[in-house]
């Protein structure tokens, strides 16, 4: 009996005391690490969990949490190329007030801070500020429309 209790205590110490463990890629659950001041990295690039909202879990190879160093390491498969929105915005030679991705409006700042799968960006369209009259607020710059297949 004492042997079984001893083995149970050892097993609990091994399982409960793990400082590094793998977690599923679920953005809602990963927001916990952002709130608790964990450093988040995707492919060794520092980011925030909110910046990963356009990534699909099918491209994630593994997500590892290190409790001792308070880090969350997210690694994608080798054939997946990640691009940040500011790299796309730098290639565009115009300013925009709104970004519409798959029919959903987003602020330009969210687009610039977010990460995307490079080969999933399918179609870019520029709507001039003069052609948009149906919305309530005025636009001082153009609107960027993106078709994103993630």
C-alpha atoms as a PDB file:
ATOM      1  CA  UNK A   1       0.000   0.000   0.000  1.00  0.00           C
ATOM      2  CA  UNK A   2       2.791   2.407   0.921  1.00  0.00           C
ATOM      3  CA  UNK A   3       4.566   1.500  -2.311  1.00  0.00           C
ATOM      4  CA  UNK A   4       1.477   2.440  -4.353  1.00  0.00           C
ATOM      5  CA  UNK A   5       1.105   5.779  -2.550  1.00  0.00           C
ATOM      6  CA  UNK A   6       4.802   6.504  -3.072  1.00  0.00           C
ATOM      7  CA  UNK A   7       4.532   5.736  -6.797  1.00  0.00           C
ATOM      8  CA  UNK A   8       1.422   7.910  -7.056  1.00  0.00           C
ATOM      9  CA  UNK A   9       3.212  10.846  -5.394  1.00  0.00           C
ATOM     10  CA  UNK A  10       6.195  10.449  -7.736  1.00  0.00           C
ATOM     11  CA  UNK A  11       3.894  10.296 -10.762  1.00  0.00           C
ATOM     12  CA  UNK A  12       2.019  13.414  -9.634  1.00  0.00           C
ATOM     13  CA  UNK A  13       5.283  15.290  -9.150  1.00  0.00           C
ATOM     14  CA  UNK A  14       6.451  14.350 -12.641  1.00  0.00           C
ATOM     15  CA  UNK A  15       3.198  15.287 -14.333  1.00  0.00           C
ATOM     16  CA  UNK A  16       2.398  18.404 -12.325  1.00  0.00           C
ATOM     17  CA  UNK A  17       5.895  19.803 -12.223  1.00  0.00           C
ATOM     18  CA  UNK A  18       6.523  19.950 -15.961  1.00  0.00           C
ATOM     19  CA  UNK A  19       7.815  23.365 -16.864  1.00  0.00           C
ATOM     20  CA  UNK A  20       7.591  22.822 -20.620  1.00  0.00           C
ATOM     21  CA  UNK A  21       4.525  21.320 -22.241  1.00  0.00           C
ATOM     22  CA  UNK A  22       2.769  21.308 -25.576  1.00  0.00           C
ATOM     23  CA  UNK A  23      -0.591  23.063 -26.040  1.00  0.00           C
ATOM     24  CA  UNK A  24      -3.188  23.085 -28.802  1.00  0.00           C
ATOM     25  CA  UNK A  25      -3.341  26.100 -31.127  1.00  0.00           C
ATOM     26  CA  UNK A  26      -6.565  27.710 -29.927  1.00  0.00           C
ATOM     27  CA  UNK A  27      -6.517  31.511 -29.978  1.00  0.00           C
ATOM     28  CA  UNK A  28      -9.202  31.870 -27.311  1.00  0.00           C
ATOM     29  CA  UNK A  29      -7.212  29.721 -24.880  1.00  0.00           C
ATOM     30  CA  UNK A  30      -3.898  31.306 -25.878  1.00  0.00           C
ATOM     31  CA  UNK A  31      -5.107  34.765 -24.892  1.00  0.00           C
ATOM     32  CA  UNK A  32      -4.422  33.578 -21.325  1.00  0.00           C
ATOM     33  CA  UNK A  33      -0.682  33.736 -22.063  1.00  0.00           C
ATOM     34  CA  UNK A  34      -0.969  37.288 -23.408  1.00  0.00           C
ATOM     35  CA  UNK A  35      -2.826  38.364 -20.268  1.00  0.00           C
ATOM     36  CA  UNK A  36      -0.231  36.753 -17.997  1.00  0.00           C
ATOM     37  CA  UNK A  37       2.738  38.496 -19.645  1.00  0.00           C
ATOM     38  CA  UNK A  38       4.111  35.512 -21.537  1.00  0.00           C
ATOM     39  CA  UNK A  39       6.392  36.277 -24.465  1.00  0.00           C
ATOM     40  CA  UNK A  40       4.812  34.866 -27.621  1.00  0.00           C
ATOM     41  CA  UNK A  41       6.928  33.826 -30.612  1.00  0.00           C
ATOM     42  CA  UNK A  42       5.950  32.450 -34.003  1.00  0.00           C
ATOM     43  CA  UNK A  43       8.917  30.925 -35.823  1.00  0.00           C
ATOM     44  CA  UNK A  44      11.215  32.809 -33.403  1.00  0.00           C
ATOM     45  CA  UNK A  45       9.591  36.182 -34.231  1.00  0.00           C
ATOM     46  CA  UNK A  46       8.090  38.068 -31.296  1.00  0.00           C
ATOM     47  CA  UNK A  47       4.362  38.799 -31.606  1.00  0.00           C
ATOM     48  CA  UNK A  48       1.098  38.933 -29.691  1.00  0.00           C
ATOM     49  CA  UNK A  49      -1.628  36.308 -29.738  1.00  0.00           C
ATOM     50  CA  UNK A  50      -4.042  38.819 -31.319  1.00  0.00           C
ATOM     51  CA  UNK A  51      -1.653  39.149 -34.275  1.00  0.00           C
ATOM     52  CA  UNK A  52      -2.243  35.477 -35.111  1.00  0.00           C
ATOM     53  CA  UNK A  53      -5.998  35.727 -35.660  1.00  0.00           C
ATOM     54  CA  UNK A  54      -5.748  35.118 -39.429  1.00  0.00           C
ATOM     55  CA  UNK A  55      -3.730  31.909 -39.103  1.00  0.00           C
ATOM     56  CA  UNK A  56      -5.331  28.486 -39.268  1.00  0.00           C
ATOM     57  CA  UNK A  57      -4.395  25.705 -36.881  1.00  0.00           C
ATOM     58  CA  UNK A  58      -3.699  23.357 -39.823  1.00  0.00           C
ATOM     59  CA  UNK A  59      -0.411  25.197 -40.542  1.00  0.00           C
ATOM     60  CA  UNK A  60       0.841  24.957 -36.947  1.00  0.00           C
ATOM     61  CA  UNK A  61       3.346  22.190 -36.312  1.00  0.00           C
ATOM     62  CA  UNK A  62       3.442  22.622 -32.540  1.00  0.00           C
ATOM     63  CA  UNK A  63       2.915  25.118 -29.743  1.00  0.00           C
ATOM     64  CA  UNK A  64       5.099  24.818 -26.656  1.00  0.00           C
ATOM     65  CA  UNK A  65       4.696  26.668 -23.351  1.00  0.00           C
ATOM     66  CA  UNK A  66       7.688  27.197 -21.088  1.00  0.00           C
ATOM     67  CA  UNK A  67       6.409  28.159 -17.632  1.00  0.00           C
ATOM     68  CA  UNK A  68       9.850  28.848 -16.237  1.00  0.00           C
ATOM     69  CA  UNK A  69      10.790  31.470 -18.862  1.00  0.00           C
ATOM     70  CA  UNK A  70       7.145  32.495 -19.494  1.00  0.00           C
ATOM     71  CA  UNK A  71       7.306  31.926 -23.244  1.00  0.00           C
ATOM     72  CA  UNK A  72       4.931  30.490 -25.824  1.00  0.00           C
ATOM     73  CA  UNK A  73       6.750  29.151 -28.899  1.00  0.00           C
ATOM     74  CA  UNK A  74       4.593  28.515 -31.980  1.00  0.00           C
ATOM     75  CA  UNK A  75       6.211  26.696 -34.886  1.00  0.00           C
ATOM     76  CA  UNK A  76       4.696  26.293 -38.329  1.00  0.00           C
ATOM     77  CA  UNK A  77       5.451  23.595 -40.860  1.00  0.00           C
ATOM     78  CA  UNK A  78       8.601  24.204 -42.913  1.00  0.00           C
ATOM     79  CA  UNK A  79       6.744  24.768 -46.197  1.00  0.00           C
ATOM     80  CA  UNK A  80       4.545  27.550 -44.756  1.00  0.00           C
ATOM     81  CA  UNK A  81       5.713  31.107 -45.333  1.00  0.00           C
ATOM     82  CA  UNK A  82       4.401  33.664 -42.837  1.00  0.00           C
ATOM     83  CA  UNK A  83       4.185  37.315 -43.848  1.00  0.00           C
ATOM     84  CA  UNK A  84       3.268  40.281 -41.683  1.00  0.00           C
ATOM     85  CA  UNK A  85       0.684  42.792 -42.849  1.00  0.00           C
ATOM     86  CA  UNK A  86       3.149  45.682 -42.765  1.00  0.00           C
ATOM     87  CA  UNK A  87       5.253  43.915 -45.427  1.00  0.00           C
ATOM     88  CA  UNK A  88       2.189  43.862 -47.673  1.00  0.00           C
ATOM     89  CA  UNK A  89       1.312  47.467 -46.850  1.00  0.00           C
ATOM     90  CA  UNK A  90       4.846  48.593 -47.722  1.00  0.00           C
ATOM     91  CA  UNK A  91       4.473  47.130 -51.224  1.00  0.00           C
ATOM     92  CA  UNK A  92       1.241  49.031 -51.770  1.00  0.00           C
ATOM     93  CA  UNK A  93       1.861  52.589 -52.838  1.00  0.00           C
ATOM     94  CA  UNK A  94      -1.273  54.114 -51.368  1.00  0.00           C
ATOM     95  CA  UNK A  95      -2.791  54.713 -47.961  1.00  0.00           C
ATOM     96  CA  UNK A  96      -6.008  53.101 -46.831  1.00  0.00           C
ATOM     97  CA  UNK A  97      -8.579  53.827 -44.130  1.00  0.00           C
ATOM     98  CA  UNK A  98     -10.097  50.353 -43.962  1.00  0.00           C
ATOM     99  CA  UNK A  99      -9.143  46.814 -44.885  1.00  0.00           C
ATOM    100  CA  UNK A 100     -11.851  44.346 -45.842  1.00  0.00           C
ATOM    101  CA  UNK A 101     -10.689  40.735 -45.574  1.00  0.00           C
ATOM    102  CA  UNK A 102     -13.160  38.151 -46.880  1.00  0.00           C
ATOM    103  CA  UNK A 103     -16.007  40.609 -46.426  1.00  0.00           C
ATOM    104  CA  UNK A 104     -15.173  41.593 -42.843  1.00  0.00           C
ATOM    105  CA  UNK A 105     -13.907  45.127 -42.147  1.00  0.00           C
ATOM    106  CA  UNK A 106     -10.757  45.615 -40.119  1.00  0.00           C
ATOM    107  CA  UNK A 107      -8.730  48.629 -39.102  1.00  0.00           C
ATOM    108  CA  UNK A 108      -5.497  49.274 -40.976  1.00  0.00           C
ATOM    109  CA  UNK A 109      -3.571  48.850 -37.724  1.00  0.00           C
ATOM    110  CA  UNK A 110      -4.962  45.341 -37.174  1.00  0.00           C
ATOM    111  CA  UNK A 111      -4.012  44.453 -40.746  1.00  0.00           C
ATOM    112  CA  UNK A 112      -0.481  45.826 -40.338  1.00  0.00           C
ATOM    113  CA  UNK A 113       0.087  43.965 -37.039  1.00  0.00           C
ATOM    114  CA  UNK A 114      -1.372  40.612 -38.162  1.00  0.00           C
ATOM    115  CA  UNK A 115       0.402  37.632 -39.691  1.00  0.00           C
ATOM    116  CA  UNK A 116      -0.804  35.874 -42.843  1.00  0.00           C
ATOM    117  CA  UNK A 117       0.125  32.781 -44.820  1.00  0.00           C
ATOM    118  CA  UNK A 118       1.880  34.203 -47.857  1.00  0.00           C
ATOM    119  CA  UNK A 119       0.411  31.857 -50.490  1.00  0.00           C
ATOM    120  CA  UNK A 120      -3.140  32.272 -49.163  1.00  0.00           C
ATOM    121  CA  UNK A 121      -3.439  35.927 -50.149  1.00  0.00           C
ATOM    122  CA  UNK A 122      -5.351  35.579 -53.397  1.00  0.00           C
ATOM    123  CA  UNK A 123      -6.784  38.855 -54.607  1.00  0.00           C
ATOM    124  CA  UNK A 124      -6.132  42.511 -53.801  1.00  0.00           C
ATOM    125  CA  UNK A 125      -8.534  45.229 -54.850  1.00  0.00           C
ATOM    126  CA  UNK A 126      -8.361  48.953 -54.298  1.00  0.00           C
ATOM    127  CA  UNK A 127     -11.577  50.903 -53.823  1.00  0.00           C
ATOM    128  CA  UNK A 128     -11.070  54.620 -54.230  1.00  0.00           C
ATOM    129  CA  UNK A 129     -12.501  56.941 -51.619  1.00  0.00           C
ATOM    130  CA  UNK A 130     -14.607  58.646 -54.294  1.00  0.00           C
ATOM    131  CA  UNK A 131     -16.430  55.451 -55.267  1.00  0.00           C
ATOM    132  CA  UNK A 132     -17.551  54.743 -51.685  1.00  0.00           C
ATOM    133  CA  UNK A 133     -20.665  56.761 -50.858  1.00  0.00           C
ATOM    134  CA  UNK A 134     -22.831  54.255 -49.012  1.00  0.00           C
ATOM    135  CA  UNK A 135     -21.086  54.266 -45.650  1.00  0.00           C
ATOM    136  CA  UNK A 136     -21.858  56.754 -42.895  1.00  0.00           C
ATOM    137  CA  UNK A 137     -18.364  57.885 -42.100  1.00  0.00           C
ATOM    138  CA  UNK A 138     -16.155  59.850 -44.476  1.00  0.00           C
ATOM    139  CA  UNK A 139     -13.058  58.235 -45.963  1.00  0.00           C
ATOM    140  CA  UNK A 140      -9.944  60.284 -46.509  1.00  0.00           C
ATOM    141  CA  UNK A 141      -7.993  57.443 -48.119  1.00  0.00           C
ATOM    142  CA  UNK A 142      -8.842  54.350 -50.155  1.00  0.00           C
ATOM    143  CA  UNK A 143     -10.138  50.968 -49.005  1.00  0.00           C
ATOM    144  CA  UNK A 144      -8.175  47.752 -49.457  1.00  0.00           C
ATOM    145  CA  UNK A 145     -10.175  44.595 -50.219  1.00  0.00           C
ATOM    146  CA  UNK A 146      -8.376  41.260 -49.817  1.00  0.00           C
ATOM    147  CA  UNK A 147      -9.501  37.745 -50.603  1.00  0.00           C
ATOM    148  CA  UNK A 148      -7.726  35.476 -48.148  1.00  0.00           C
ATOM    149  CA  UNK A 149      -7.964  31.707 -48.448  1.00  0.00           C
ATOM    150  CA  UNK A 150      -6.987  30.344 -45.033  1.00  0.00           C
END
